[in-house]
Amino acid sequence: GTTGLDLFGRNRDVVAMRIAGTLLDLQREIQDGDVVEP
Protein backbone atom coordinates (compact mmCIF):
# COMPACT_ATOMS: atom_id res chain seq x y z
CA GLY A 1 0.00 0.00 0.00
CA THR A 2 3.02 2.31 -0.06
CA THR A 3 2.51 5.23 -2.44
CA GLY A 4 4.83 7.58 -4.23
CA LEU A 5 3.99 10.21 -1.61
CA ASP A 6 5.27 7.88 1.10
CA LEU A 7 8.58 7.65 -0.74
CA PHE A 8 9.03 11.20 -2.03
CA GLY A 9 6.40 13.35 -0.31
CA ARG A 10 8.89 15.20 1.88
CA ASN A 11 10.64 16.55 -1.21
CA ARG A 12 8.55 19.18 -3.00
CA ASP A 13 10.97 18.99 -5.94
CA VAL A 14 9.43 15.59 -6.84
CA VAL A 15 6.05 16.04 -8.57
CA ALA A 16 5.35 12.55 -9.95
CA MET A 17 6.98 9.16 -10.50
CA ARG A 18 7.78 6.90 -13.42
CA ILE A 19 7.17 3.16 -13.27
CA ALA A 20 7.91 0.94 -16.29
CA GLY A 21 8.20 4.03 -18.48
CA THR A 22 4.79 5.37 -17.44
CA LEU A 23 4.26 8.67 -15.63
CA LEU A 24 2.04 8.27 -12.57
CA ASP A 25 0.65 10.43 -9.78
CA LEU A 26 2.50 10.17 -6.48
CA GLN A 27 -0.76 9.04 -4.81
CA ARG A 28 -0.70 5.78 -6.79
CA GLU A 29 0.22 2.60 -4.91
CA ILE A 30 3.48 0.86 -5.74
CA GLN A 31 3.41 -2.85 -6.52
CA ASP A 32 5.84 -5.60 -5.65
CA GLY A 33 8.84 -5.61 -7.99
CA ASP A 34 8.26 -2.08 -9.33
CA VAL A 35 11.22 0.05 -10.38
CA VAL A 36 10.33 3.58 -9.30
CA GLU A 37 11.95 6.77 -10.51
CA PRO A 38 11.09 10.23 -9.10
Full PDB file with SEQRES, HELIX, SHEET, SSBOND, CRYST1, ORIGX, SCALE, CONECT and MASTER records, all heavy atoms in Angstrom:
SEQRES   1 A   38  GLY THR THR GLY LEU ASP LEU PHE GLY ARG ASN ARG ASP          
SEQRES   2 A   38  VAL VAL ALA MET ARG ILE ALA GLY THR LEU LEU ASP LEU          
SEQRES   3 A   38  GLN ARG GLU ILE GLN ASP GLY ASP VAL VAL GLU PRO              
HELIX    1 AA1 GLY A    4  PHE A    8  1                                   5    
SHEET    1 AA1 3 THR A  22  LEU A  24  0                                        
SHEET    2 AA1 3 MET A  17  ILE A  19 -1                                        
SHEET    3 AA1 3 VAL A  36  GLU A  37 -1                                        
CRYST1    1.000    1.000    1.000  90.00  90.00  90.00 P 1           1          
ORIGX1      1.000000  0.000000  0.000000        0.00000                         
ORIGX2      0.000000  1.000000  0.000000        0.00000                         
ORIGX3      0.000000  0.000000  1.000000        0.00000                         
SCALE1      1.000000  0.000000  0.000000        0.00000                         
SCALE2      0.000000  1.000000  0.000000        0.00000                         
SCALE3      0.000000  0.000000  1.000000        0.00000                         
ATOM      1  N   GLY A   1       0.795  -1.224   0.000  1.00  0.00           N  
ATOM      2  CA  GLY A   1       0.000   0.000   0.000  1.00  0.00           C  
ATOM      3  C   GLY A   1       0.822   1.265   0.000  1.00  0.00           C  
ATOM      4  O   GLY A   1       0.271   2.376  -0.009  1.00  0.00           O  
ATOM      5  N   THR A   2       2.151   1.126  -0.008  1.00  0.00           N  
ATOM      6  CA  THR A   2       3.023   2.308  -0.058  1.00  0.00           C  
ATOM      7  C   THR A   2       2.789   3.068  -1.362  1.00  0.00           C  
ATOM      8  O   THR A   2       2.678   2.469  -2.441  1.00  0.00           O  
ATOM      9  CB  THR A   2       4.501   1.890   0.051  1.00  0.00           C  
ATOM     10  OG1 THR A   2       4.730   1.344   1.346  1.00  0.00           O  
ATOM     11  CG2 THR A   2       5.427   3.081  -0.165  1.00  0.00           C  
ATOM     12  N   THR A   3       2.722   4.373  -1.264  1.00  0.00           N  
ATOM     13  CA  THR A   3       2.513   5.229  -2.440  1.00  0.00           C  
ATOM     14  C   THR A   3       3.779   6.028  -2.750  1.00  0.00           C  
ATOM     15  O   THR A   3       4.733   6.055  -1.956  1.00  0.00           O  
ATOM     16  CB  THR A   3       1.364   6.221  -2.198  1.00  0.00           C  
ATOM     17  OG1 THR A   3       1.765   7.158  -1.176  1.00  0.00           O  
ATOM     18  CG2 THR A   3       0.094   5.509  -1.776  1.00  0.00           C  
ATOM     19  N   GLY A   4       3.731   6.698  -3.871  1.00  0.00           N  
ATOM     20  CA  GLY A   4       4.832   7.582  -4.230  1.00  0.00           C  
ATOM     21  C   GLY A   4       5.006   8.703  -3.222  1.00  0.00           C  
ATOM     22  O   GLY A   4       6.131   9.145  -2.950  1.00  0.00           O  
ATOM     23  N   LEU A   5       3.901   9.159  -2.628  1.00  0.00           N  
ATOM     24  CA  LEU A   5       3.994  10.210  -1.607  1.00  0.00           C  
ATOM     25  C   LEU A   5       4.732   9.705  -0.371  1.00  0.00           C  
ATOM     26  O   LEU A   5       5.470  10.470   0.281  1.00  0.00           O  
ATOM     27  CB  LEU A   5       2.598  10.701  -1.228  1.00  0.00           C  
ATOM     28  CG  LEU A   5       2.002  11.807  -2.109  1.00  0.00           C  
ATOM     29  CD1 LEU A   5       0.576  12.116  -1.671  1.00  0.00           C  
ATOM     30  CD2 LEU A   5       2.868  13.059  -2.064  1.00  0.00           C  
ATOM     31  N   ASP A   6       4.538   8.435  -0.035  1.00  0.00           N  
ATOM     32  CA  ASP A   6       5.266   7.879   1.101  1.00  0.00           C  
ATOM     33  C   ASP A   6       6.766   7.894   0.848  1.00  0.00           C  
ATOM     34  O   ASP A   6       7.563   8.096   1.771  1.00  0.00           O  
ATOM     35  CB  ASP A   6       4.799   6.447   1.379  1.00  0.00           C  
ATOM     36  CG  ASP A   6       3.345   6.374   1.818  1.00  0.00           C  
ATOM     37  OD1 ASP A   6       2.904   7.310   2.519  1.00  0.00           O  
ATOM     38  OD2 ASP A   6       2.667   5.400   1.454  1.00  0.00           O  
ATOM     39  N   LEU A   7       7.150   7.680  -0.405  1.00  0.00           N  
ATOM     40  CA  LEU A   7       8.575   7.647  -0.744  1.00  0.00           C  
ATOM     41  C   LEU A   7       9.172   9.038  -0.913  1.00  0.00           C  
ATOM     42  O   LEU A   7      10.281   9.320  -0.445  1.00  0.00           O  
ATOM     43  CB  LEU A   7       8.788   6.851  -2.046  1.00  0.00           C  
ATOM     44  CG  LEU A   7       8.575   5.344  -2.018  1.00  0.00           C  
ATOM     45  CD1 LEU A   7       8.783   4.777  -3.405  1.00  0.00           C  
ATOM     46  CD2 LEU A   7       9.521   4.679  -1.023  1.00  0.00           C  
ATOM     47  N   PHE A   8       8.431   9.922  -1.611  1.00  0.00           N  
ATOM     48  CA  PHE A   8       9.026  11.197  -2.031  1.00  0.00           C  
ATOM     49  C   PHE A   8       8.296  12.433  -1.500  1.00  0.00           C  
ATOM     50  O   PHE A   8       8.679  13.559  -1.820  1.00  0.00           O  
ATOM     51  CB  PHE A   8       9.018  11.275  -3.575  1.00  0.00           C  
ATOM     52  CG  PHE A   8       9.580  10.078  -4.261  1.00  0.00           C  
ATOM     53  CD1 PHE A   8       8.779   9.271  -5.068  1.00  0.00           C  
ATOM     54  CD2 PHE A   8      10.920   9.724  -4.111  1.00  0.00           C  
ATOM     55  CE1 PHE A   8       9.289   8.167  -5.719  1.00  0.00           C  
ATOM     56  CE2 PHE A   8      11.438   8.617  -4.757  1.00  0.00           C  
ATOM     57  CZ  PHE A   8      10.629   7.835  -5.561  1.00  0.00           C  
ATOM     58  N   GLY A   9       7.256  12.241  -0.686  1.00  0.00           N  
ATOM     59  CA  GLY A   9       6.396  13.353  -0.314  1.00  0.00           C  
ATOM     60  C   GLY A   9       7.075  14.454   0.464  1.00  0.00           C  
ATOM     61  O   GLY A   9       6.596  15.598   0.476  1.00  0.00           O  
ATOM     62  N   ARG A  10       8.192  14.164   1.122  1.00  0.00           N  
ATOM     63  CA  ARG A  10       8.888  15.200   1.882  1.00  0.00           C  
ATOM     64  C   ARG A  10       9.692  16.142   0.978  1.00  0.00           C  
ATOM     65  O   ARG A  10      10.162  17.174   1.440  1.00  0.00           O  
ATOM     66  CB  ARG A  10       9.823  14.551   2.902  1.00  0.00           C  
ATOM     67  CG  ARG A  10       9.091  13.801   4.005  1.00  0.00           C  
ATOM     68  CD  ARG A  10      10.077  13.247   5.005  1.00  0.00           C  
ATOM     69  NE  ARG A  10       9.383  12.520   6.089  1.00  0.00           N  
ATOM     70  CZ  ARG A  10      10.019  11.936   7.104  1.00  0.00           C  
ATOM     71  NH1 ARG A  10      11.350  11.992   7.179  1.00  0.00           N  
ATOM     72  NH2 ARG A  10       9.328  11.296   8.032  1.00  0.00           N  
ATOM     73  N   ASN A  11       9.844  15.752  -0.274  1.00  0.00           N  
ATOM     74  CA  ASN A  11      10.644  16.547  -1.214  1.00  0.00           C  
ATOM     75  C   ASN A  11       9.718  17.194  -2.236  1.00  0.00           C  
ATOM     76  O   ASN A  11       9.233  16.531  -3.148  1.00  0.00           O  
ATOM     77  CB  ASN A  11      11.671  15.645  -1.914  1.00  0.00           C  
ATOM     78  CG  ASN A  11      12.602  16.432  -2.827  1.00  0.00           C  
ATOM     79  OD1 ASN A  11      12.463  17.652  -2.987  1.00  0.00           O  
ATOM     80  ND2 ASN A  11      13.547  15.743  -3.435  1.00  0.00           N  
ATOM     81  N   ARG A  12       9.461  18.481  -2.082  1.00  0.00           N  
ATOM     82  CA  ARG A  12       8.550  19.176  -3.000  1.00  0.00           C  
ATOM     83  C   ARG A  12       9.103  19.276  -4.416  1.00  0.00           C  
ATOM     84  O   ARG A  12       8.387  19.652  -5.341  1.00  0.00           O  
ATOM     85  CB  ARG A  12       8.267  20.587  -2.470  1.00  0.00           C  
ATOM     86  CG  ARG A  12       7.224  20.616  -1.360  1.00  0.00           C  
ATOM     87  CD  ARG A  12       5.819  20.477  -1.973  1.00  0.00           C  
ATOM     88  NE  ARG A  12       4.794  20.433  -0.944  1.00  0.00           N  
ATOM     89  CZ  ARG A  12       4.235  21.510  -0.421  1.00  0.00           C  
ATOM     90  NH1 ARG A  12       4.613  22.709  -0.820  1.00  0.00           N  
ATOM     91  NH2 ARG A  12       3.319  21.384   0.507  1.00  0.00           N  
ATOM     92  N   ASP A  13      10.384  18.967  -4.592  1.00  0.00           N  
ATOM     93  CA  ASP A  13      10.969  18.993  -5.937  1.00  0.00           C  
ATOM     94  C   ASP A  13      10.522  17.798  -6.772  1.00  0.00           C  
ATOM     95  O   ASP A  13      10.714  17.783  -7.985  1.00  0.00           O  
ATOM     96  CB  ASP A  13      12.499  19.007  -5.867  1.00  0.00           C  
ATOM     97  CG  ASP A  13      13.035  20.300  -5.278  1.00  0.00           C  
ATOM     98  OD1 ASP A  13      12.330  21.322  -5.390  1.00  0.00           O  
ATOM     99  OD2 ASP A  13      14.140  20.286  -4.706  1.00  0.00           O  
ATOM    100  N   VAL A  14       9.923  16.774  -6.128  1.00  0.00           N  
ATOM    101  CA  VAL A  14       9.426  15.593  -6.840  1.00  0.00           C  
ATOM    102  C   VAL A  14       7.922  15.757  -7.024  1.00  0.00           C  
ATOM    103  O   VAL A  14       7.179  15.884  -6.050  1.00  0.00           O  
ATOM    104  CB  VAL A  14       9.728  14.299  -6.062  1.00  0.00           C  
ATOM    105  CG1 VAL A  14       9.155  13.092  -6.802  1.00  0.00           C  
ATOM    106  CG2 VAL A  14      11.229  14.134  -5.863  1.00  0.00           C  
ATOM    107  N   VAL A  15       7.470  15.767  -8.284  1.00  0.00           N  
ATOM    108  CA  VAL A  15       6.054  16.038  -8.565  1.00  0.00           C  
ATOM    109  C   VAL A  15       5.295  14.813  -9.061  1.00  0.00           C  
ATOM    110  O   VAL A  15       4.067  14.824  -9.109  1.00  0.00           O  
ATOM    111  CB  VAL A  15       5.913  17.184  -9.597  1.00  0.00           C  
ATOM    112  CG1 VAL A  15       6.456  18.486  -9.022  1.00  0.00           C  
ATOM    113  CG2 VAL A  15       6.612  16.840 -10.914  1.00  0.00           C  
ATOM    114  N   ALA A  16       5.997  13.765  -9.446  1.00  0.00           N  
ATOM    115  CA  ALA A  16       5.350  12.545  -9.953  1.00  0.00           C  
ATOM    116  C   ALA A  16       6.388  11.434  -9.912  1.00  0.00           C  
ATOM    117  O   ALA A  16       7.511  11.620  -9.432  1.00  0.00           O  
ATOM    118  CB  ALA A  16       4.818  12.761 -11.370  1.00  0.00           C  
ATOM    119  N   MET A  17       6.025  10.270 -10.432  1.00  0.00           N  
ATOM    120  CA  MET A  17       6.976   9.161 -10.501  1.00  0.00           C  
ATOM    121  C   MET A  17       6.800   8.429 -11.826  1.00  0.00           C  
ATOM    122  O   MET A  17       5.762   8.547 -12.492  1.00  0.00           O  
ATOM    123  CB  MET A  17       6.787   8.207  -9.319  1.00  0.00           C  
ATOM    124  CG  MET A  17       5.406   7.573  -9.238  1.00  0.00           C  
ATOM    125  SD  MET A  17       5.234   6.538  -7.751  1.00  0.00           S  
ATOM    126  CE  MET A  17       3.501   6.097  -7.834  1.00  0.00           C  
ATOM    127  N   ARG A  18       7.824   7.698 -12.189  1.00  0.00           N  
ATOM    128  CA  ARG A  18       7.783   6.902 -13.421  1.00  0.00           C  
ATOM    129  C   ARG A  18       8.000   5.445 -13.048  1.00  0.00           C  
ATOM    130  O   ARG A  18       8.983   5.104 -12.391  1.00  0.00           O  
ATOM    131  CB  ARG A  18       8.846   7.374 -14.407  1.00  0.00           C  
ATOM    132  CG  ARG A  18       8.816   6.609 -15.731  1.00  0.00           C  
ATOM    133  CD  ARG A  18       9.899   7.072 -16.683  1.00  0.00           C  
ATOM    134  NE  ARG A  18       9.611   8.392 -17.238  1.00  0.00           N  
ATOM    135  CZ  ARG A  18      10.193   9.526 -16.851  1.00  0.00           C  
ATOM    136  NH1 ARG A  18      11.092   9.491 -15.882  1.00  0.00           N  
ATOM    137  NH2 ARG A  18       9.881  10.681 -17.407  1.00  0.00           N  
ATOM    138  N   ILE A  19       7.064   4.600 -13.487  1.00  0.00           N  
ATOM    139  CA  ILE A  19       7.174   3.155 -13.272  1.00  0.00           C  
ATOM    140  C   ILE A  19       6.988   2.470 -14.616  1.00  0.00           C  
ATOM    141  O   ILE A  19       5.985   2.696 -15.299  1.00  0.00           O  
ATOM    142  CB  ILE A  19       6.119   2.650 -12.264  1.00  0.00           C  
ATOM    143  CG1 ILE A  19       6.329   3.298 -10.891  1.00  0.00           C  
ATOM    144  CG2 ILE A  19       6.177   1.125 -12.148  1.00  0.00           C  
ATOM    145  CD1 ILE A  19       5.293   2.893  -9.855  1.00  0.00           C  
ATOM    146  N   ALA A  20       7.958   1.664 -15.005  1.00  0.00           N  
ATOM    147  CA  ALA A  20       7.906   0.939 -16.286  1.00  0.00           C  
ATOM    148  C   ALA A  20       7.667   1.899 -17.450  1.00  0.00           C  
ATOM    149  O   ALA A  20       6.892   1.600 -18.365  1.00  0.00           O  
ATOM    150  CB  ALA A  20       6.836  -0.148 -16.249  1.00  0.00           C  
ATOM    151  N   GLY A  21       8.303   3.055 -17.388  1.00  0.00           N  
ATOM    152  CA  GLY A  21       8.204   4.027 -18.476  1.00  0.00           C  
ATOM    153  C   GLY A  21       6.946   4.863 -18.462  1.00  0.00           C  
ATOM    154  O   GLY A  21       6.769   5.711 -19.344  1.00  0.00           O  
ATOM    155  N   THR A  22       6.061   4.662 -17.493  1.00  0.00           N  
ATOM    156  CA  THR A  22       4.787   5.370 -17.442  1.00  0.00           C  
ATOM    157  C   THR A  22       4.802   6.406 -16.319  1.00  0.00           C  
ATOM    158  O   THR A  22       5.207   6.111 -15.192  1.00  0.00           O  
ATOM    159  CB  THR A  22       3.630   4.380 -17.218  1.00  0.00           C  
ATOM    160  OG1 THR A  22       3.601   3.442 -18.296  1.00  0.00           O  
ATOM    161  CG2 THR A  22       2.294   5.113 -17.158  1.00  0.00           C  
ATOM    162  N   LEU A  23       4.352   7.613 -16.630  1.00  0.00           N  
ATOM    163  CA  LEU A  23       4.255   8.667 -15.628  1.00  0.00           C  
ATOM    164  C   LEU A  23       3.002   8.459 -14.794  1.00  0.00           C  
ATOM    165  O   LEU A  23       1.907   8.262 -15.338  1.00  0.00           O  
ATOM    166  CB  LEU A  23       4.203  10.035 -16.304  1.00  0.00           C  
ATOM    167  CG  LEU A  23       5.449  10.455 -17.086  1.00  0.00           C  
ATOM    168  CD1 LEU A  23       5.186  11.761 -17.826  1.00  0.00           C  
ATOM    169  CD2 LEU A  23       6.637  10.602 -16.160  1.00  0.00           C  
ATOM    170  N   LEU A  24       3.153   8.518 -13.480  1.00  0.00           N  
ATOM    171  CA  LEU A  24       2.042   8.267 -12.566  1.00  0.00           C  
ATOM    172  C   LEU A  24       2.002   9.329 -11.470  1.00  0.00           C  
ATOM    173  O   LEU A  24       3.032   9.898 -11.094  1.00  0.00           O  
ATOM    174  CB  LEU A  24       2.170   6.891 -11.916  1.00  0.00           C  
ATOM    175  CG  LEU A  24       2.147   5.667 -12.840  1.00  0.00           C  
ATOM    176  CD1 LEU A  24       2.459   4.412 -12.048  1.00  0.00           C  
ATOM    177  CD2 LEU A  24       0.798   5.542 -13.537  1.00  0.00           C  
ATOM    178  N   ASP A  25       0.797   9.566 -10.942  1.00  0.00           N  
ATOM    179  CA  ASP A  25       0.649  10.434  -9.780  1.00  0.00           C  
ATOM    180  C   ASP A  25       1.359   9.817  -8.580  1.00  0.00           C  
ATOM    181  O   ASP A  25       1.426   8.587  -8.431  1.00  0.00           O  
ATOM    182  CB  ASP A  25      -0.831  10.596  -9.419  1.00  0.00           C  
ATOM    183  CG  ASP A  25      -1.667  11.110 -10.572  1.00  0.00           C  
ATOM    184  OD1 ASP A  25      -1.436  12.250 -10.987  1.00  0.00           O  
ATOM    185  OD2 ASP A  25      -2.544  10.362 -11.043  1.00  0.00           O  
ATOM    186  N   LEU A  26       1.833  10.669  -7.671  1.00  0.00           N  
ATOM    187  CA  LEU A  26       2.498  10.165  -6.477  1.00  0.00           C  
ATOM    188  C   LEU A  26       1.528   9.450  -5.538  1.00  0.00           C  
ATOM    189  O   LEU A  26       1.950   8.655  -4.686  1.00  0.00           O  
ATOM    190  CB  LEU A  26       3.177  11.316  -5.734  1.00  0.00           C  
ATOM    191  CG  LEU A  26       4.440  11.890  -6.405  1.00  0.00           C  
ATOM    192  CD1 LEU A  26       4.989  13.056  -5.601  1.00  0.00           C  
ATOM    193  CD2 LEU A  26       5.511  10.813  -6.572  1.00  0.00           C  
ATOM    194  N   GLN A  27       0.215   9.711  -5.679  1.00  0.00           N  
ATOM    195  CA  GLN A  27      -0.756   9.036  -4.809  1.00  0.00           C  
ATOM    196  C   GLN A  27      -0.953   7.574  -5.172  1.00  0.00           C  
ATOM    197  O   GLN A  27      -1.546   6.812  -4.399  1.00  0.00           O  
ATOM    198  CB  GLN A  27      -2.124   9.744  -4.872  1.00  0.00           C  
ATOM    199  CG  GLN A  27      -2.111  11.144  -4.290  1.00  0.00           C  
ATOM    200  CD  GLN A  27      -1.939  12.181  -5.383  1.00  0.00           C  
ATOM    201  OE1 GLN A  27      -1.292  11.911  -6.397  1.00  0.00           O  
ATOM    202  NE2 GLN A  27      -2.505  13.358  -5.187  1.00  0.00           N  
ATOM    203  N   ARG A  28      -0.471   7.165  -6.340  1.00  0.00           N  
ATOM    204  CA  ARG A  28      -0.700   5.782  -6.785  1.00  0.00           C  
ATOM    205  C   ARG A  28       0.111   4.805  -5.931  1.00  0.00           C  
ATOM    206  O   ARG A  28       1.262   5.083  -5.532  1.00  0.00           O  
ATOM    207  CB  ARG A  28      -0.320   5.633  -8.265  1.00  0.00           C  
ATOM    208  CG  ARG A  28      -1.105   6.538  -9.205  1.00  0.00           C  
ATOM    209  CD  ARG A  28      -2.498   6.016  -9.475  1.00  0.00           C  
ATOM    210  NE  ARG A  28      -2.464   4.865 -10.353  1.00  0.00           N  
ATOM    211  CZ  ARG A  28      -2.483   4.944 -11.691  1.00  0.00           C  
ATOM    212  NH1 ARG A  28      -2.532   6.136 -12.290  1.00  0.00           N  
ATOM    213  NH2 ARG A  28      -2.474   3.860 -12.423  1.00  0.00           N  
ATOM    214  N   GLU A  29      -0.474   3.629  -5.682  1.00  0.00           N  
ATOM    215  CA  GLU A  29       0.216   2.599  -4.909  1.00  0.00           C  
ATOM    216  C   GLU A  29       1.296   1.924  -5.751  1.00  0.00           C  
ATOM    217  O   GLU A  29       1.147   1.752  -6.960  1.00  0.00           O  
ATOM    218  CB  GLU A  29      -0.775   1.552  -4.406  1.00  0.00           C  
ATOM    219  CG  GLU A  29      -1.690   2.045  -3.317  1.00  0.00           C  
ATOM    220  CD  GLU A  29      -2.520   0.922  -2.717  1.00  0.00           C  
ATOM    221  OE1 GLU A  29      -2.252  -0.260  -3.051  1.00  0.00           O  
ATOM    222  OE2 GLU A  29      -3.427   1.210  -1.930  1.00  0.00           O  
ATOM    223  N   ILE A  30       2.361   1.545  -5.089  1.00  0.00           N  
ATOM    224  CA  ILE A  30       3.478   0.863  -5.740  1.00  0.00           C  
ATOM    225  C   ILE A  30       3.321  -0.638  -5.514  1.00  0.00           C  
ATOM    226  O   ILE A  30       2.962  -1.084  -4.414  1.00  0.00           O  
ATOM    227  CB  ILE A  30       4.813   1.380  -5.164  1.00  0.00           C  
ATOM    228  CG1 ILE A  30       4.928   2.889  -5.418  1.00  0.00           C  
ATOM    229  CG2 ILE A  30       5.989   0.655  -5.788  1.00  0.00           C  
ATOM    230  CD1 ILE A  30       6.063   3.538  -4.661  1.00  0.00           C  
ATOM    231  N   GLN A  31       3.603  -1.405  -6.578  1.00  0.00           N  
ATOM    232  CA  GLN A  31       3.410  -2.854  -6.522  1.00  0.00           C  
ATOM    233  C   GLN A  31       4.744  -3.574  -6.317  1.00  0.00           C  
ATOM    234  O   GLN A  31       5.829  -3.024  -6.581  1.00  0.00           O  
ATOM    235  CB  GLN A  31       2.741  -3.343  -7.812  1.00  0.00           C  
ATOM    236  CG  GLN A  31       1.431  -2.632  -8.130  1.00  0.00           C  
ATOM    237  CD  GLN A  31       0.389  -2.795  -7.049  1.00  0.00           C  
ATOM    238  OE1 GLN A  31       0.187  -3.906  -6.535  1.00  0.00           O  
ATOM    239  NE2 GLN A  31      -0.273  -1.696  -6.681  1.00  0.00           N  
ATOM    240  N   ASP A  32       4.646  -4.783  -5.882  1.00  0.00           N  
ATOM    241  CA  ASP A  32       5.838  -5.598  -5.652  1.00  0.00           C  
ATOM    242  C   ASP A  32       6.651  -5.727  -6.943  1.00  0.00           C  
ATOM    243  O   ASP A  32       6.109  -6.033  -8.008  1.00  0.00           O  
ATOM    244  CB  ASP A  32       5.420  -6.981  -5.151  1.00  0.00           C  
ATOM    245  CG  ASP A  32       6.612  -7.825  -4.728  1.00  0.00           C  
ATOM    246  OD1 ASP A  32       7.537  -7.276  -4.097  1.00  0.00           O  
ATOM    247  OD2 ASP A  32       6.617  -9.031  -5.051  1.00  0.00           O  
ATOM    248  N   GLY A  33       7.951  -5.484  -6.847  1.00  0.00           N  
ATOM    249  CA  GLY A  33       8.841  -5.606  -7.993  1.00  0.00           C  
ATOM    250  C   GLY A  33       8.957  -4.356  -8.846  1.00  0.00           C  
ATOM    251  O   GLY A  33       9.747  -4.331  -9.803  1.00  0.00           O  
ATOM    252  N   ASP A  34       8.204  -3.316  -8.530  1.00  0.00           N  
ATOM    253  CA  ASP A  34       8.257  -2.085  -9.333  1.00  0.00           C  
ATOM    254  C   ASP A  34       9.621  -1.407  -9.223  1.00  0.00           C  
ATOM    255  O   ASP A  34      10.261  -1.409  -8.154  1.00  0.00           O  
ATOM    256  CB  ASP A  34       7.180  -1.083  -8.884  1.00  0.00           C  
ATOM    257  CG  ASP A  34       5.810  -1.409  -9.462  1.00  0.00           C  
ATOM    258  OD1 ASP A  34       5.740  -2.245 -10.382  1.00  0.00           O  
ATOM    259  OD2 ASP A  34       4.816  -0.823  -8.988  1.00  0.00           O  
ATOM    260  N   VAL A  35      10.041  -0.826 -10.346  1.00  0.00           N  
ATOM    261  CA  VAL A  35      11.217   0.048 -10.378  1.00  0.00           C  
ATOM    262  C   VAL A  35      10.695   1.473 -10.469  1.00  0.00           C  
ATOM    263  O   VAL A  35      10.047   1.844 -11.449  1.00  0.00           O  
ATOM    264  CB  VAL A  35      12.135  -0.270 -11.572  1.00  0.00           C  
ATOM    265  CG1 VAL A  35      13.320   0.695 -11.604  1.00  0.00           C  
ATOM    266  CG2 VAL A  35      12.626  -1.708 -11.483  1.00  0.00           C  
ATOM    267  N   VAL A  36      10.949   2.267  -9.449  1.00  0.00           N  
ATOM    268  CA  VAL A  36      10.329   3.577  -9.297  1.00  0.00           C  
ATOM    269  C   VAL A  36      11.377   4.668  -9.465  1.00  0.00           C  
ATOM    270  O   VAL A  36      12.442   4.613  -8.836  1.00  0.00           O  
ATOM    271  CB  VAL A  36       9.657   3.719  -7.915  1.00  0.00           C  
ATOM    272  CG1 VAL A  36       8.880   5.026  -7.835  1.00  0.00           C  
ATOM    273  CG2 VAL A  36       8.756   2.526  -7.632  1.00  0.00           C  
ATOM    274  N   GLU A  37      11.038   5.645 -10.296  1.00  0.00           N  
ATOM    275  CA  GLU A  37      11.952   6.773 -10.514  1.00  0.00           C  
ATOM    276  C   GLU A  37      11.214   8.075 -10.227  1.00  0.00           C  
ATOM    277  O   GLU A  37      10.136   8.312 -10.772  1.00  0.00           O  
ATOM    278  CB  GLU A  37      12.466   6.776 -11.957  1.00  0.00           C  
ATOM    279  CG  GLU A  37      13.456   7.885 -12.251  1.00  0.00           C  
ATOM    280  CD  GLU A  37      13.951   7.844 -13.689  1.00  0.00           C  
ATOM    281  OE1 GLU A  37      13.480   6.970 -14.453  1.00  0.00           O  
ATOM    282  OE2 GLU A  37      14.794   8.690 -14.049  1.00  0.00           O  
ATOM    283  N   PRO A  38      11.749   8.942  -9.356  1.00  0.00           N  
ATOM    284  CA  PRO A  38      11.093  10.225  -9.096  1.00  0.00           C  
ATOM    285  C   PRO A  38      11.192  11.143 -10.302  1.00  0.00           C  
ATOM    286  O   PRO A  38      12.195  11.138 -11.022  1.00  0.00           O  
ATOM    287  CB  PRO A  38      11.871  10.785  -7.905  1.00  0.00           C  
ATOM    288  CG  PRO A  38      13.226  10.156  -8.008  1.00  0.00           C  
ATOM    289  CD  PRO A  38      12.994   8.783  -8.576  1.00  0.00           C  
TER     290      PRO A  38                                                      
MASTER        0    0    0    1    3    0    0    6  289    1    0    3          
END                                                                             
